[in-house]
Amino acid sequence: MAALAERRIIPHDELKARAQEKSEGRAEARSEGRSDEMSEDNSEPETAEQGEPRAEPRPEHMRLLEALLFAAAVPLDEKTLGARLPEDVDLKASLYALQAEYSTRGVNLVRVNAKWTFRTAGDLSWLLPKEAVVPKKLSRAAVETLAVIAYHQPVTRAEVEEIRGVVMSRGTFDVLMETGWIKPRGRRKVPGRPITYGTTEEFLSHFGLEQLADLPGLEELKGSGLLDNRLPPGFAVPMPSDDPTLRDDEDPLEPGDLDLGLAPPPERIEE
């Protein structure tokens, strides 16, 4: 009875106000829920591509240039490459752009004797070992002869002997021609018409030279210990030329000049 006596009788007006507050609260909750759903439905789905810049399409002539160089078994000169590309293409700019593009890759675009080719990056050569027959090292006479020809070309056998100060055997020239590092150029316009010799593209490729002008100069040779610091007055290292054209004191070779068949065929002899 005491518990019943403590209960308070809630007036009708208060009950009606409470019911109205609850009803309004439910309505607001439903309204907020619909607005959230609508905002979610109207939002665009996020993708991994949003916010990322689109890569510009690569010029077609760059792809063609890349394909030509990859497919070639030998280095290609700019004339050969230009003949395969559209006339309005800046070939030199495209080659240098492609060279820069590949400068950080596993293969690099390099220029050897005014020709272009792809080569494995030099710092990755240790990753690509291969078994091969180790050739016999060149004799000191062959190395000195090669150096004389490289710096003094075009030069005759007698001129090489005069520069070295010794008479050498015929085998020295034979070894260097077998390696493909030297070749006969022409005949000197003097009595006896001796053959003149010069280096080849294989020589540049083997020693990693772009052109003959990249051969070490006097100061570089001194610094490496290959030349004595006590040189005679006026001593200088000649600057060789890459020009394959015969000089005024040279005549072209003729078929049958060499027993080894190194003379050019008749149709390729200069007139």
Protein backbone atom coordinates (compact mmCIF):
# COMPACT_ATOMS: atom_id res chain seq x y z
CA MET A 1 0.00 0.00 0.00
CA ALA A 2 2.88 2.35 0.82
CA ALA A 3 4.44 1.65 -2.61
CA LEU A 4 1.17 2.38 -4.34
CA ALA A 5 0.80 5.57 -2.38
CA GLU A 6 4.17 6.84 -3.67
CA ARG A 7 3.20 6.57 -7.32
CA ARG A 8 2.44 9.90 -9.04
CA ILE A 9 -0.50 10.23 -11.35
CA ILE A 10 0.83 11.79 -14.63
CA PRO A 11 -1.57 14.33 -16.11
CA HIS A 12 -2.95 13.73 -19.58
CA ASP A 13 -1.33 16.84 -21.03
CA GLU A 14 2.15 15.73 -19.93
CA LEU A 15 1.67 12.25 -21.43
CA LYS A 16 0.59 13.84 -24.71
CA ALA A 17 3.70 16.10 -24.77
CA ARG A 18 6.04 13.17 -24.15
CA ALA A 19 4.47 11.16 -26.95
CA GLN A 20 4.79 14.08 -29.32
CA GLU A 21 8.54 14.50 -28.46
CA LYS A 22 9.21 10.81 -29.16
CA SER A 23 7.38 11.01 -32.47
CA GLU A 24 9.34 14.06 -33.57
CA GLY A 25 12.65 12.35 -32.59
CA ARG A 26 11.85 9.29 -34.69
CA ALA A 27 10.98 11.51 -37.67
CA GLU A 28 14.26 13.39 -37.43
CA ALA A 29 16.21 10.12 -37.21
CA ARG A 30 14.46 8.75 -40.30
CA SER A 31 15.11 12.01 -42.17
CA GLU A 32 18.83 11.95 -41.34
CA GLY A 33 19.05 8.33 -42.42
CA ARG A 34 17.51 9.07 -45.81
CA SER A 35 19.86 12.02 -46.43
CA ASP A 36 22.89 9.84 -45.63
CA GLU A 37 21.68 7.17 -48.00
CA MET A 38 21.08 9.71 -50.74
CA SER A 39 24.54 11.22 -50.29
CA GLU A 40 26.08 7.74 -50.48
CA ASP A 41 24.08 6.87 -53.59
CA ASN A 42 24.99 10.12 -55.35
CA SER A 43 28.71 9.89 -54.58
CA GLU A 44 30.93 8.54 -57.37
CA PRO A 45 32.73 5.30 -56.57
CA GLU A 46 36.39 5.85 -55.83
CA THR A 47 38.84 4.11 -58.08
CA ALA A 48 42.59 3.66 -57.98
CA GLU A 49 42.84 5.84 -61.04
CA GLN A 50 41.31 8.94 -59.40
CA GLY A 51 43.95 11.54 -58.55
CA GLU A 52 46.63 9.94 -60.75
CA PRO A 53 47.84 11.90 -63.80
CA ARG A 54 47.24 10.21 -67.10
CA ALA A 55 50.41 9.28 -69.01
CA GLU A 56 50.65 11.01 -72.35
CA PRO A 57 50.77 8.64 -75.33
CA ARG A 58 54.27 7.93 -76.62
CA PRO A 59 55.01 9.38 -80.07
CA GLU A 60 54.75 6.75 -82.76
CA HIS A 61 58.14 7.62 -84.27
CA MET A 62 59.83 6.91 -80.91
CA ARG A 63 58.31 3.43 -80.86
CA LEU A 64 59.42 2.85 -84.44
CA LEU A 65 62.96 4.08 -83.70
CA GLU A 66 63.14 1.83 -80.65
CA ALA A 67 61.98 -1.17 -82.68
CA LEU A 68 64.53 -0.56 -85.43
CA LEU A 69 67.42 -0.42 -82.97
CA PHE A 70 66.26 -3.49 -81.06
CA ALA A 71 65.82 -5.57 -84.20
CA ALA A 72 69.17 -4.62 -85.77
CA ALA A 73 71.97 -7.17 -85.48
CA VAL A 74 74.61 -4.45 -85.95
CA PRO A 75 74.82 -0.74 -84.97
CA LEU A 76 72.86 1.52 -87.34
CA ASP A 77 73.95 4.91 -88.66
CA GLU A 78 71.65 7.92 -88.69
CA LYS A 79 71.18 7.78 -92.46
CA THR A 80 69.78 4.25 -92.25
CA LEU A 81 67.50 5.16 -89.35
CA GLY A 82 66.30 8.36 -91.01
CA ALA A 83 65.27 6.46 -94.14
CA ARG A 84 62.77 4.43 -92.08
CA LEU A 85 61.22 7.36 -90.19
CA PRO A 86 58.79 10.10 -91.31
CA GLU A 87 60.48 13.06 -92.96
CA ASP A 88 59.32 15.57 -90.33
CA VAL A 89 61.00 13.70 -87.43
CA ASP A 90 64.02 15.34 -85.76
CA LEU A 91 66.21 12.22 -85.73
CA LYS A 92 69.03 13.54 -83.56
CA ALA A 93 66.66 14.89 -80.92
CA SER A 94 64.73 11.61 -80.93
CA LEU A 95 67.92 9.55 -80.52
CA TYR A 96 69.14 11.64 -77.61
CA ALA A 97 65.69 11.50 -76.01
CA LEU A 98 65.65 7.71 -76.36
CA GLN A 99 69.21 7.58 -74.96
CA ALA A 100 68.10 9.57 -71.90
CA GLU A 101 65.03 7.36 -71.50
CA TYR A 102 67.19 4.21 -71.38
CA SER A 103 70.04 5.71 -69.31
CA THR A 104 68.71 4.22 -66.05
CA ARG A 105 67.54 0.88 -67.47
CA GLY A 106 69.21 -2.49 -67.81
CA VAL A 107 70.08 -1.71 -71.42
CA ASN A 108 71.49 1.59 -72.65
CA LEU A 109 71.46 3.25 -76.05
CA VAL A 110 75.07 3.98 -76.97
CA ARG A 111 76.81 5.62 -79.92
CA VAL A 112 79.81 3.85 -81.46
CA ASN A 113 81.62 5.31 -84.45
CA ALA A 114 78.63 7.52 -85.39
CA LYS A 115 76.30 4.49 -85.18
CA TRP A 116 73.65 3.66 -82.58
CA THR A 117 72.96 0.38 -80.78
CA PHE A 118 71.53 -1.04 -77.55
CA ARG A 119 74.02 -2.50 -75.07
CA THR A 120 73.68 -4.06 -71.64
CA ALA A 121 74.33 -1.45 -68.95
CA GLY A 122 78.00 -1.51 -68.00
CA ASP A 123 77.35 -1.77 -64.26
CA LEU A 124 75.33 -4.98 -64.80
CA SER A 125 77.98 -6.91 -66.73
CA TRP A 126 78.92 -8.90 -63.61
CA LEU A 127 75.39 -10.35 -63.54
CA LEU A 128 75.78 -11.89 -66.99
CA PRO A 129 78.73 -14.27 -66.79
CA LYS A 130 79.30 -16.65 -69.66
CA GLU A 131 81.74 -19.39 -70.42
CA ALA A 132 84.10 -18.59 -73.23
CA VAL A 133 87.50 -19.59 -74.51
CA VAL A 134 89.99 -17.09 -73.12
CA PRO A 135 92.07 -15.83 -76.05
CA LYS A 136 95.81 -15.57 -75.76
CA LYS A 137 97.00 -12.14 -74.73
CA LEU A 138 98.57 -9.94 -77.36
CA SER A 139 102.32 -9.80 -77.31
CA ARG A 140 104.05 -6.58 -76.36
CA ALA A 141 105.02 -6.09 -80.00
CA ALA A 142 101.36 -6.45 -81.08
CA VAL A 143 100.15 -4.00 -78.42
CA GLU A 144 102.78 -1.41 -79.41
CA THR A 145 101.97 -1.90 -83.09
CA LEU A 146 98.26 -1.45 -82.43
CA ALA A 147 98.95 1.74 -80.49
CA VAL A 148 101.10 3.15 -83.30
CA ILE A 149 98.44 2.36 -85.91
CA ALA A 150 95.65 3.83 -83.74
CA TYR A 151 97.42 7.14 -83.20
CA HIS A 152 99.26 7.53 -86.55
CA GLN A 153 96.78 6.06 -89.05
CA PRO A 154 96.93 5.80 -91.96
CA VAL A 155 100.39 4.28 -91.53
CA THR A 156 102.48 1.74 -93.44
CA ARG A 157 104.42 -1.20 -92.05
CA ALA A 158 107.72 0.59 -92.59
CA GLU A 159 106.43 3.67 -90.78
CA VAL A 160 105.36 1.53 -87.81
CA GLU A 161 108.82 -0.02 -87.64
CA GLU A 162 110.42 3.42 -87.84
CA ILE A 163 108.28 4.75 -84.99
CA ARG A 164 108.91 1.68 -82.81
CA GLY A 165 112.59 1.51 -83.75
CA VAL A 166 112.55 -2.25 -84.39
CA VAL A 167 111.85 -4.58 -87.29
CA MET A 168 108.84 -6.77 -86.61
CA SER A 169 107.69 -10.08 -87.98
CA ARG A 170 104.83 -10.40 -90.44
CA GLY A 171 102.85 -12.34 -87.84
CA THR A 172 102.28 -9.22 -85.74
CA PHE A 173 100.11 -7.61 -88.42
CA ASP A 174 98.40 -10.93 -89.12
CA VAL A 175 97.33 -11.29 -85.47
CA LEU A 176 95.89 -7.77 -85.37
CA MET A 177 93.96 -8.31 -88.60
CA GLU A 178 92.60 -11.63 -87.32
CA THR A 179 91.20 -9.86 -84.27
CA GLY A 180 89.47 -7.43 -86.64
CA TRP A 181 91.04 -4.38 -84.97
CA ILE A 182 93.05 -3.14 -87.97
CA LYS A 183 92.45 -3.21 -91.70
CA PRO A 184 94.28 -2.18 -94.88
CA ARG A 185 93.14 1.19 -96.20
CA GLY A 186 94.99 1.81 -99.46
CA ARG A 187 98.45 2.16 -100.97
CA ARG A 188 100.84 4.99 -100.33
CA LYS A 189 101.77 7.00 -103.43
CA VAL A 190 105.50 6.35 -103.07
CA PRO A 191 107.89 3.92 -104.77
CA GLY A 192 106.85 0.38 -103.91
CA ARG A 193 103.29 1.57 -103.09
CA PRO A 194 103.19 0.07 -99.56
CA ILE A 195 99.81 -0.70 -97.98
CA THR A 196 98.47 1.73 -95.38
CA TYR A 197 96.62 0.50 -92.30
CA GLY A 198 94.01 1.92 -89.91
CA THR A 199 91.76 0.77 -87.08
CA THR A 200 88.26 -0.65 -87.51
CA GLU A 201 84.84 -0.19 -85.93
CA GLU A 202 85.47 -3.41 -83.95
CA PHE A 203 88.49 -1.70 -82.38
CA LEU A 204 86.31 1.17 -81.13
CA SER A 205 83.62 -1.20 -79.88
CA HIS A 206 86.06 -3.47 -78.02
CA PHE A 207 87.74 -0.60 -76.18
CA GLY A 208 84.49 1.27 -75.50
CA LEU A 209 85.32 4.31 -77.63
CA GLU A 210 82.76 6.42 -79.46
CA GLN A 211 85.37 7.87 -81.80
CA LEU A 212 89.14 7.92 -82.24
CA ALA A 213 89.30 11.34 -80.64
CA ASP A 214 88.42 9.61 -77.34
CA LEU A 215 91.82 7.91 -77.23
CA PRO A 216 93.81 9.07 -74.17
CA GLY A 217 95.98 12.14 -74.69
CA LEU A 218 99.50 12.90 -73.52
CA GLU A 219 98.59 13.86 -69.96
CA GLU A 220 96.30 10.85 -69.54
CA LEU A 221 99.03 8.50 -70.75
CA LYS A 222 101.50 10.07 -68.32
CA GLY A 223 99.06 9.82 -65.45
CA SER A 224 98.43 6.12 -66.12
CA GLY A 225 102.17 5.40 -66.17
CA LEU A 226 102.23 4.35 -69.81
CA LEU A 227 104.65 7.14 -70.72
CA ASP A 228 107.83 8.21 -69.00
CA ASN A 229 107.65 11.69 -67.50
CA ARG A 230 111.10 12.42 -68.92
CA LEU A 231 110.06 12.82 -72.53
CA PRO A 232 112.17 14.55 -75.18
CA PRO A 233 111.39 18.20 -75.90
CA GLY A 234 108.58 18.71 -78.41
CA PHE A 235 107.12 15.22 -77.88
CA ALA A 236 103.40 15.12 -78.70
CA VAL A 237 100.67 12.55 -79.17
CA PRO A 238 98.99 12.85 -82.58
CA MET A 239 95.22 13.24 -82.85
CA PRO A 240 93.85 10.56 -85.22
CA SER A 241 90.93 11.20 -87.55
CA ASP A 242 87.80 9.09 -88.02
CA ASP A 243 87.49 10.09 -91.67
CA PRO A 244 87.56 6.84 -93.72
CA THR A 245 88.19 8.74 -96.96
CA LEU A 246 91.56 8.05 -98.54
CA ARG A 247 94.02 10.91 -98.26
CA ASP A 248 95.80 12.64 -101.11
CA ASP A 249 98.88 10.43 -100.67
CA GLU A 250 96.85 7.17 -100.80
CA ASP A 251 95.59 5.10 -103.72
CA PRO A 252 92.65 2.66 -103.34
CA LEU A 253 93.33 -1.05 -102.96
CA GLU A 254 92.86 -3.34 -105.93
CA PRO A 255 91.48 -6.90 -106.05
CA GLY A 256 94.26 -9.41 -105.46
CA ASP A 257 96.41 -6.99 -103.44
CA LEU A 258 96.22 -9.26 -100.39
CA ASP A 259 96.41 -13.03 -100.22
CA LEU A 260 94.04 -13.02 -97.25
CA GLY A 261 91.22 -11.57 -99.36
CA LEU A 262 91.02 -8.37 -97.34
CA ALA A 263 90.86 -6.08 -100.35
CA PRO A 264 87.37 -4.77 -101.22
CA PRO A 265 85.48 -6.37 -104.12
CA PRO A 266 85.80 -4.66 -107.53
CA GLU A 267 82.39 -2.97 -107.40
CA ARG A 268 83.25 -1.21 -104.12
CA ILE A 269 86.65 0.19 -105.10
CA GLU A 270 86.79 3.97 -105.19
CA GLU A 271 87.37 5.50 -108.58
